[in-house]
Amino acid sequence: MLLIVLGIAIAGIGALFVASQVSSGEIQLGGAVVGMGVFGLPALLAIGIGAALLARSRQVAAGDKEQAQLRKILDMVKSKGQVPISELVIDLGSTRKEVQDQIHSLVGMGLFSGYVNWDEGTLYSAEAANLRELERCKHCGGEMSFAGKGILVCKYCGTEYFLS
């Protein structure tokens, strides 16, 4: 932004200088054209470089935002074991389609392993997938639920099962 402002300032100062010289009769039209070239070239160069850097910084910021969202998805799934897709949509301020694309992207990069039940709308980590085999509490026979990364808890007696 500073380079763009600097370029505009150089062009403005140059134009004012050349206009004042022409109006006072100190230089002719040919000198004015050369004067505008002397001021215009650095101004255009500064504006062009500034615009290119600004466009590049916006691309980097968009990439950083996407990476932060991917990191957030991984963190949520790893810490909870299972995450409803609707919760990801709300937390990321995104759409279901965008979240689905991000999950596929994570799988494609080899960063996520687990499974998604799209009908149920839940994303499961690999640790949760391994624990899924344990459907009933070995202590009381109660129903199990996910309590965090690699942890299942019996809803009735509170027994916790940990993935080793």
C-alpha atoms as a PDB file:
ATOM      1  CA  MET A   1       0.000   0.000   0.000  1.00  0.00           C
ATOM      2  CA  LEU A   2       2.845   2.357   0.847  1.00  0.00           C
ATOM      3  CA  LEU A   3       4.439   1.868  -2.567  1.00  0.00           C
ATOM      4  CA  ILE A   4       1.142   2.622  -4.293  1.00  0.00           C
ATOM      5  CA  VAL A   5       0.682   5.785  -2.215  1.00  0.00           C
ATOM      6  CA  LEU A   6       4.306   6.759  -2.878  1.00  0.00           C
ATOM      7  CA  GLY A   7       3.816   6.252  -6.625  1.00  0.00           C
ATOM      8  CA  ILE A   8       0.689   8.389  -6.624  1.00  0.00           C
ATOM      9  CA  ALA A   9       2.492  11.084  -4.618  1.00  0.00           C
ATOM     10  CA  ILE A  10       5.437  11.103  -7.043  1.00  0.00           C
ATOM     11  CA  ALA A  11       3.068  11.368 -10.017  1.00  0.00           C
ATOM     12  CA  GLY A  12       1.096  14.185  -8.349  1.00  0.00           C
ATOM     13  CA  ILE A  13       4.196  16.167  -7.384  1.00  0.00           C
ATOM     14  CA  GLY A  14       5.635  15.681 -10.869  1.00  0.00           C
ATOM     15  CA  ALA A  15       2.429  16.800 -12.537  1.00  0.00           C
ATOM     16  CA  LEU A  16       2.200  19.894 -10.347  1.00  0.00           C
ATOM     17  CA  PHE A  17       5.858  20.759 -10.973  1.00  0.00           C
ATOM     18  CA  VAL A  18       5.578  20.334 -14.753  1.00  0.00           C
ATOM     19  CA  ALA A  19       2.264  22.233 -14.868  1.00  0.00           C
ATOM     20  CA  SER A  20       3.735  25.152 -12.912  1.00  0.00           C
ATOM     21  CA  GLN A  21       6.801  25.256 -15.179  1.00  0.00           C
ATOM     22  CA  VAL A  22       4.673  25.200 -18.339  1.00  0.00           C
ATOM     23  CA  SER A  23       2.302  27.896 -17.045  1.00  0.00           C
ATOM     24  CA  SER A  24       5.191  30.174 -16.095  1.00  0.00           C
ATOM     25  CA  GLY A  25       6.711  29.661 -19.536  1.00  0.00           C
ATOM     26  CA  GLU A  26      10.000  28.278 -18.229  1.00  0.00           C
ATOM     27  CA  ILE A  27       9.697  25.089 -20.313  1.00  0.00           C
ATOM     28  CA  GLN A  28       8.078  24.213 -23.604  1.00  0.00           C
ATOM     29  CA  LEU A  29       5.771  21.307 -24.427  1.00  0.00           C
ATOM     30  CA  GLY A  30       8.688  18.984 -25.255  1.00  0.00           C
ATOM     31  CA  GLY A  31      10.293  19.699 -21.879  1.00  0.00           C
ATOM     32  CA  ALA A  32       6.974  19.013 -20.171  1.00  0.00           C
ATOM     33  CA  VAL A  33       6.763  15.597 -21.846  1.00  0.00           C
ATOM     34  CA  VAL A  34      10.302  14.759 -20.731  1.00  0.00           C
ATOM     35  CA  GLY A  35       9.509  16.030 -17.217  1.00  0.00           C
ATOM     36  CA  MET A  36       6.403  13.846 -17.013  1.00  0.00           C
ATOM     37  CA  GLY A  37       8.527  10.893 -18.147  1.00  0.00           C
ATOM     38  CA  VAL A  38      11.105  11.595 -15.452  1.00  0.00           C
ATOM     39  CA  PHE A  39       8.403  11.678 -12.762  1.00  0.00           C
ATOM     40  CA  GLY A  40       6.040   9.179 -14.398  1.00  0.00           C
ATOM     41  CA  LEU A  41       8.415   6.246 -14.776  1.00  0.00           C
ATOM     42  CA  PRO A  42       9.304   5.954 -11.064  1.00  0.00           C
ATOM     43  CA  ALA A  43       5.656   6.572 -10.164  1.00  0.00           C
ATOM     44  CA  LEU A  44       4.429   3.790 -12.453  1.00  0.00           C
ATOM     45  CA  LEU A  45       7.179   1.486 -11.208  1.00  0.00           C
ATOM     46  CA  ALA A  46       6.250   2.085  -7.550  1.00  0.00           C
ATOM     47  CA  ILE A  47       2.525   1.650  -8.249  1.00  0.00           C
ATOM     48  CA  GLY A  48       3.113  -1.542 -10.257  1.00  0.00           C
ATOM     49  CA  ILE A  49       5.371  -3.141  -7.643  1.00  0.00           C
ATOM     50  CA  GLY A  50       2.997  -2.079  -4.865  1.00  0.00           C
ATOM     51  CA  ALA A  51      -0.005  -3.571  -6.665  1.00  0.00           C
ATOM     52  CA  ALA A  52       1.846  -6.852  -7.304  1.00  0.00           C
ATOM     53  CA  LEU A  53       2.929  -7.125  -3.664  1.00  0.00           C
ATOM     54  CA  LEU A  54      -0.581  -6.316  -2.462  1.00  0.00           C
ATOM     55  CA  ALA A  55      -2.099  -9.021  -4.687  1.00  0.00           C
ATOM     56  CA  ARG A  56       0.483 -11.557  -3.496  1.00  0.00           C
ATOM     57  CA  SER A  57      -0.129 -10.736   0.174  1.00  0.00           C
ATOM     58  CA  ARG A  58      -3.863 -11.283  -0.314  1.00  0.00           C
ATOM     59  CA  GLN A  59      -3.172 -14.703  -1.869  1.00  0.00           C
ATOM     60  CA  VAL A  60      -0.941 -15.646   1.059  1.00  0.00           C
ATOM     61  CA  ALA A  61      -3.571 -14.469   3.552  1.00  0.00           C
ATOM     62  CA  ALA A  62      -6.249 -16.566   1.822  1.00  0.00           C
ATOM     63  CA  GLY A  63      -3.936 -19.598   1.945  1.00  0.00           C
ATOM     64  CA  ASP A  64      -3.203 -18.971   5.618  1.00  0.00           C
ATOM     65  CA  LYS A  65      -6.920 -18.826   6.380  1.00  0.00           C
ATOM     66  CA  GLU A  66      -7.511 -22.124   4.570  1.00  0.00           C
ATOM     67  CA  GLN A  67      -4.639 -23.779   6.452  1.00  0.00           C
ATOM     68  CA  ALA A  68      -5.946 -22.473   9.771  1.00  0.00           C
ATOM     69  CA  GLN A  69      -9.362 -23.983   9.012  1.00  0.00           C
ATOM     70  CA  LEU A  70      -7.796 -27.340   8.090  1.00  0.00           C
ATOM     71  CA  ARG A  71      -5.764 -27.253  11.304  1.00  0.00           C
ATOM     72  CA  LYS A  72      -8.905 -26.470  13.296  1.00  0.00           C
ATOM     73  CA  ILE A  73     -10.760 -29.429  11.776  1.00  0.00           C
ATOM     74  CA  LEU A  74      -7.889 -31.766  12.647  1.00  0.00           C
ATOM     75  CA  ASP A  75      -7.607 -30.405  16.179  1.00  0.00           C
ATOM     76  CA  MET A  76     -11.329 -30.744  16.836  1.00  0.00           C
ATOM     77  CA  VAL A  77     -11.512 -34.306  15.531  1.00  0.00           C
ATOM     78  CA  LYS A  78      -8.363 -35.431  17.341  1.00  0.00           C
ATOM     79  CA  SER A  79      -9.367 -33.879  20.641  1.00  0.00           C
ATOM     80  CA  LYS A  80     -12.991 -35.059  20.619  1.00  0.00           C
ATOM     81  CA  GLY A  81     -12.740 -38.314  18.687  1.00  0.00           C
ATOM     82  CA  GLN A  82     -15.904 -37.454  16.790  1.00  0.00           C
ATOM     83  CA  VAL A  83     -17.308 -34.145  15.622  1.00  0.00           C
ATOM     84  CA  PRO A  84     -20.693 -33.386  14.065  1.00  0.00           C
ATOM     85  CA  ILE A  85     -20.282 -31.808  10.622  1.00  0.00           C
ATOM     86  CA  SER A  86     -22.768 -29.115  11.676  1.00  0.00           C
ATOM     87  CA  GLU A  87     -20.418 -28.111  14.514  1.00  0.00           C
ATOM     88  CA  LEU A  88     -17.533 -27.758  12.055  1.00  0.00           C
ATOM     89  CA  VAL A  89     -19.704 -25.643   9.748  1.00  0.00           C
ATOM     90  CA  ILE A  90     -20.620 -23.296  12.607  1.00  0.00           C
ATOM     91  CA  ASP A  91     -17.119 -23.078  14.109  1.00  0.00           C
ATOM     92  CA  LEU A  92     -15.502 -22.413  10.735  1.00  0.00           C
ATOM     93  CA  GLY A  93     -18.214 -20.017   9.522  1.00  0.00           C
ATOM     94  CA  SER A  94     -18.405 -22.118   6.408  1.00  0.00           C
ATOM     95  CA  THR A  95     -20.858 -24.202   4.394  1.00  0.00           C
ATOM     96  CA  ARG A  96     -21.316 -27.968   4.536  1.00  0.00           C
ATOM     97  CA  LYS A  97     -19.919 -28.273   0.987  1.00  0.00           C
ATOM     98  CA  GLU A  98     -16.785 -26.302   1.914  1.00  0.00           C
ATOM     99  CA  VAL A  99     -16.244 -28.449   5.026  1.00  0.00           C
ATOM    100  CA  GLN A 100     -16.708 -31.592   2.934  1.00  0.00           C
ATOM    101  CA  ASP A 101     -14.113 -30.310   0.434  1.00  0.00           C
ATOM    102  CA  GLN A 102     -11.715 -29.486   3.280  1.00  0.00           C
ATOM    103  CA  ILE A 103     -12.099 -32.986   4.749  1.00  0.00           C
ATOM    104  CA  HIS A 104     -11.376 -34.506   1.335  1.00  0.00           C
ATOM    105  CA  SER A 105      -8.362 -32.209   1.066  1.00  0.00           C
ATOM    106  CA  LEU A 106      -7.058 -33.415   4.444  1.00  0.00           C
ATOM    107  CA  VAL A 107      -7.486 -37.035   3.373  1.00  0.00           C
ATOM    108  CA  GLY A 108      -5.746 -36.315   0.064  1.00  0.00           C
ATOM    109  CA  MET A 109      -2.784 -34.775   1.881  1.00  0.00           C
ATOM    110  CA  GLY A 110      -2.601 -37.808   4.157  1.00  0.00           C
ATOM    111  CA  LEU A 111      -3.244 -35.716   7.275  1.00  0.00           C
ATOM    112  CA  PHE A 112      -6.558 -37.256   8.311  1.00  0.00           C
ATOM    113  CA  SER A 113      -7.443 -40.869   8.844  1.00  0.00           C
ATOM    114  CA  GLY A 114     -10.756 -42.004  10.141  1.00  0.00           C
ATOM    115  CA  TYR A 115     -14.174 -41.986   8.606  1.00  0.00           C
ATOM    116  CA  VAL A 116     -17.193 -39.811   7.970  1.00  0.00           C
ATOM    117  CA  ASN A 117     -20.786 -40.895   8.266  1.00  0.00           C
ATOM    118  CA  TRP A 118     -22.432 -38.361   5.961  1.00  0.00           C
ATOM    119  CA  ASP A 119     -25.950 -39.624   6.700  1.00  0.00           C
ATOM    120  CA  GLU A 120     -25.385 -39.188  10.425  1.00  0.00           C
ATOM    121  CA  GLY A 121     -23.325 -36.058   9.768  1.00  0.00           C
ATOM    122  CA  THR A 122     -20.389 -37.049  11.979  1.00  0.00           C
ATOM    123  CA  LEU A 123     -16.628 -37.124  11.419  1.00  0.00           C
ATOM    124  CA  TYR A 124     -14.677 -39.786  13.352  1.00  0.00           C
ATOM    125  CA  SER A 125     -10.926 -39.921  13.964  1.00  0.00           C
ATOM    126  CA  ALA A 126      -8.952 -43.114  13.360  1.00  0.00           C
ATOM    127  CA  GLU A 127      -8.641 -43.559  17.127  1.00  0.00           C
ATOM    128  CA  ALA A 128     -12.410 -43.308  17.436  1.00  0.00           C
ATOM    129  CA  ALA A 129     -12.804 -45.787  14.600  1.00  0.00           C
ATOM    130  CA  ASN A 130     -10.634 -48.285  16.500  1.00  0.00           C
ATOM    131  CA  LEU A 131     -12.592 -47.751  19.704  1.00  0.00           C
ATOM    132  CA  ARG A 132     -15.891 -48.116  17.863  1.00  0.00           C
ATOM    133  CA  GLU A 133     -15.494 -51.903  18.187  1.00  0.00           C
ATOM    134  CA  LEU A 134     -16.156 -51.497  21.917  1.00  0.00           C
ATOM    135  CA  GLU A 135     -19.914 -50.893  21.811  1.00  0.00           C
ATOM    136  CA  ARG A 136     -20.796 -51.872  25.387  1.00  0.00           C
ATOM    137  CA  CYS A 137     -19.060 -51.297  28.703  1.00  0.00           C
ATOM    138  CA  LYS A 138     -17.189 -54.376  29.886  1.00  0.00           C
ATOM    139  CA  HIS A 139     -18.004 -53.408  33.470  1.00  0.00           C
ATOM    140  CA  CYS A 140     -21.790 -52.844  33.383  1.00  0.00           C
ATOM    141  CA  GLY A 141     -22.824 -53.425  29.765  1.00  0.00           C
ATOM    142  CA  GLY A 142     -23.870 -49.784  29.376  1.00  0.00           C
ATOM    143  CA  GLU A 143     -23.762 -47.693  26.226  1.00  0.00           C
ATOM    144  CA  MET A 144     -20.432 -46.060  25.353  1.00  0.00           C
ATOM    145  CA  SER A 145     -19.857 -42.493  24.156  1.00  0.00           C
ATOM    146  CA  PHE A 146     -16.799 -40.570  22.981  1.00  0.00           C
ATOM    147  CA  ALA A 147     -15.252 -38.283  25.575  1.00  0.00           C
ATOM    148  CA  GLY A 148     -12.107 -37.055  23.872  1.00  0.00           C
ATOM    149  CA  LYS A 149      -8.989 -38.131  22.037  1.00  0.00           C
ATOM    150  CA  GLY A 150      -8.940 -41.900  22.173  1.00  0.00           C
ATOM    151  CA  ILE A 151     -11.336 -42.063  25.121  1.00  0.00           C
ATOM    152  CA  LEU A 152     -14.690 -43.811  25.462  1.00  0.00           C
ATOM    153  CA  VAL A 153     -16.811 -43.374  28.586  1.00  0.00           C
ATOM    154  CA  CYS A 154     -19.685 -45.509  29.803  1.00  0.00           C
ATOM    155  CA  LYS A 155     -22.769 -43.322  30.112  1.00  0.00           C
ATOM    156  CA  TYR A 156     -23.976 -45.300  33.117  1.00  0.00           C
ATOM    157  CA  CYS A 157     -21.030 -46.222  35.349  1.00  0.00           C
ATOM    158  CA  GLY A 158     -18.444 -43.692  34.119  1.00  0.00           C
ATOM    159  CA  THR A 159     -15.782 -46.272  33.235  1.00  0.00           C
ATOM    160  CA  GLU A 160     -13.267 -44.801  30.807  1.00  0.00           C
ATOM    161  CA  TYR A 161     -11.597 -46.813  28.063  1.00  0.00           C
ATOM    162  CA  PHE A 162      -8.376 -45.496  26.534  1.00  0.00           C
ATOM    163  CA  LEU A 163      -6.868 -46.294  23.150  1.00  0.00           C
ATOM    164  CA  SER A 164      -3.323 -47.470  23.652  1.00  0.00           C
END
